[in-house]
Amino acid sequence: MAYPSNLPRRVIMRIELLPQAKSTLETSCDKRGMTQVATTSRIVEWFCKQNDVVQAAVLGLYPDDIRAELPTMILKSIANEKKI
């Protein structure tokens, strides 16, 4: 069967989760009536659209001593993007 040309191509990926994260994801999906694939796809798509500051914050790449400043840093970076 050929892939319909009017639909965007999709890529299938696997993820690895700790058991507690998997359980929490299942609970969240059940509450919202969404599949785990749909939920994780939306999360990844959202993450990829974020700027470098937000991505680094989500990934926990900033040292503990500046974490209190992160909300201000993120808001400033978003404001600067809106000016462009």
C-alpha atoms as a PDB file:
ATOM      1  CA  MET A   1       0.000   0.000   0.000  1.00  0.00           C
ATOM      2  CA  ALA A   2       1.397   3.371  -1.006  1.00  0.00           C
ATOM      3  CA  TYR A   3       1.572   6.264   1.447  1.00  0.00           C
ATOM      4  CA  PRO A   4      -1.073   8.923   0.576  1.00  0.00           C
ATOM      5  CA  SER A   5       0.735  11.887  -0.975  1.00  0.00           C
ATOM      6  CA  ASN A   6      -1.615  14.464   0.591  1.00  0.00           C
ATOM      7  CA  LEU A   7      -0.568  13.540   4.166  1.00  0.00           C
ATOM      8  CA  PRO A   8       2.640  14.754   5.786  1.00  0.00           C
ATOM      9  CA  ARG A   9       5.254  12.054   6.343  1.00  0.00           C
ATOM     10  CA  ARG A  10       5.570  10.792   9.908  1.00  0.00           C
ATOM     11  CA  VAL A  11       8.572   9.322  11.686  1.00  0.00           C
ATOM     12  CA  ILE A  12       8.149   6.659  14.330  1.00  0.00           C
ATOM     13  CA  MET A  13      10.520   6.770  17.296  1.00  0.00           C
ATOM     14  CA  ARG A  14      10.856   4.837  20.538  1.00  0.00           C
ATOM     15  CA  ILE A  15      11.466   6.429  23.921  1.00  0.00           C
ATOM     16  CA  GLU A  16      12.795   5.048  27.172  1.00  0.00           C
ATOM     17  CA  LEU A  17      11.113   5.999  30.450  1.00  0.00           C
ATOM     18  CA  LEU A  18      11.579   5.118  34.065  1.00  0.00           C
ATOM     19  CA  PRO A  19       8.605   3.149  35.460  1.00  0.00           C
ATOM     20  CA  GLN A  20       7.341   6.117  37.514  1.00  0.00           C
ATOM     21  CA  ALA A  21       7.390   8.422  34.469  1.00  0.00           C
ATOM     22  CA  LYS A  22       5.527   5.794  32.436  1.00  0.00           C
ATOM     23  CA  SER A  23       2.890   5.484  35.140  1.00  0.00           C
ATOM     24  CA  THR A  24       2.479   9.252  35.388  1.00  0.00           C
ATOM     25  CA  LEU A  25       2.232   9.532  31.589  1.00  0.00           C
ATOM     26  CA  GLU A  26      -0.454   6.827  31.513  1.00  0.00           C
ATOM     27  CA  THR A  27      -2.451   8.628  34.206  1.00  0.00           C
ATOM     28  CA  SER A  28      -2.159  11.960  32.380  1.00  0.00           C
ATOM     29  CA  CYS A  29      -3.205  10.431  29.063  1.00  0.00           C
ATOM     30  CA  ASP A  30      -6.159   8.645  30.648  1.00  0.00           C
ATOM     31  CA  LYS A  31      -7.371  11.909  32.229  1.00  0.00           C
ATOM     32  CA  ARG A  32      -7.267  13.664  28.873  1.00  0.00           C
ATOM     33  CA  GLY A  33      -8.519  10.808  26.728  1.00  0.00           C
ATOM     34  CA  MET A  34      -5.376  10.843  24.619  1.00  0.00           C
ATOM     35  CA  THR A  35      -3.055   8.100  23.509  1.00  0.00           C
ATOM     36  CA  GLN A  36       0.498   8.052  24.790  1.00  0.00           C
ATOM     37  CA  VAL A  37       1.745   8.422  21.214  1.00  0.00           C
ATOM     38  CA  ALA A  38      -0.374  11.549  20.644  1.00  0.00           C
ATOM     39  CA  THR A  39       0.716  13.059  23.956  1.00  0.00           C
ATOM     40  CA  THR A  40       4.429  12.432  23.495  1.00  0.00           C
ATOM     41  CA  SER A  41       4.253  13.642  19.892  1.00  0.00           C
ATOM     42  CA  ARG A  42       2.725  16.943  21.008  1.00  0.00           C
ATOM     43  CA  ILE A  43       5.287  17.333  23.781  1.00  0.00           C
ATOM     44  CA  VAL A  44       8.204  16.753  21.394  1.00  0.00           C
ATOM     45  CA  GLU A  45       6.729  19.102  18.782  1.00  0.00           C
ATOM     46  CA  TRP A  46       6.249  21.803  21.456  1.00  0.00           C
ATOM     47  CA  PHE A  47       9.806  21.324  22.740  1.00  0.00           C
ATOM     48  CA  CYS A  48      11.299  21.636  19.251  1.00  0.00           C
ATOM     49  CA  LYS A  49       9.522  24.974  18.731  1.00  0.00           C
ATOM     50  CA  GLN A  50      11.026  26.499  21.888  1.00  0.00           C
ATOM     51  CA  ASN A  51      14.077  28.739  21.859  1.00  0.00           C
ATOM     52  CA  ASP A  52      17.456  27.617  23.193  1.00  0.00           C
ATOM     53  CA  VAL A  53      16.917  29.141  26.653  1.00  0.00           C
ATOM     54  CA  VAL A  54      13.637  27.287  27.198  1.00  0.00           C
ATOM     55  CA  GLN A  55      15.015  24.023  25.802  1.00  0.00           C
ATOM     56  CA  ALA A  56      18.055  24.197  28.076  1.00  0.00           C
ATOM     57  CA  ALA A  57      15.823  24.923  31.090  1.00  0.00           C
ATOM     58  CA  VAL A  58      13.516  21.994  30.301  1.00  0.00           C
ATOM     59  CA  LEU A  59      16.540  19.728  29.939  1.00  0.00           C
ATOM     60  CA  GLY A  60      17.911  20.891  33.299  1.00  0.00           C
ATOM     61  CA  LEU A  61      21.148  22.183  31.788  1.00  0.00           C
ATOM     62  CA  TYR A  62      21.426  25.294  33.951  1.00  0.00           C
ATOM     63  CA  PRO A  63      23.353  25.081  37.225  1.00  0.00           C
ATOM     64  CA  ASP A  64      21.425  25.177  40.508  1.00  0.00           C
ATOM     65  CA  ASP A  65      22.758  28.608  41.439  1.00  0.00           C
ATOM     66  CA  ILE A  66      20.943  30.347  38.562  1.00  0.00           C
ATOM     67  CA  ARG A  67      17.700  28.344  38.534  1.00  0.00           C
ATOM     68  CA  ALA A  68      15.903  31.065  40.495  1.00  0.00           C
ATOM     69  CA  GLU A  69      16.706  33.456  37.619  1.00  0.00           C
ATOM     70  CA  LEU A  70      15.356  31.129  34.917  1.00  0.00           C
ATOM     71  CA  PRO A  71      11.800  32.503  34.727  1.00  0.00           C
ATOM     72  CA  THR A  72      13.165  36.016  34.188  1.00  0.00           C
ATOM     73  CA  MET A  73      15.681  34.751  31.606  1.00  0.00           C
ATOM     74  CA  ILE A  74      12.966  32.882  29.737  1.00  0.00           C
ATOM     75  CA  LEU A  75      10.570  35.835  29.728  1.00  0.00           C
ATOM     76  CA  LYS A  76      13.327  38.160  28.479  1.00  0.00           C
ATOM     77  CA  SER A  77      14.278  35.750  25.690  1.00  0.00           C
ATOM     78  CA  ILE A  78      10.639  35.441  24.613  1.00  0.00           C
ATOM     79  CA  ALA A  79      10.207  39.229  24.696  1.00  0.00           C
ATOM     80  CA  ASN A  80      13.346  39.702  22.594  1.00  0.00           C
ATOM     81  CA  GLU A  81      12.038  37.213  20.014  1.00  0.00           C
ATOM     82  CA  LYS A  82       8.758  39.131  19.751  1.00  0.00           C
ATOM     83  CA  LYS A  83      10.659  42.364  18.941  1.00  0.00           C
ATOM     84  CA  ILE A  84      12.290  40.816  15.884  1.00  0.00           C
END
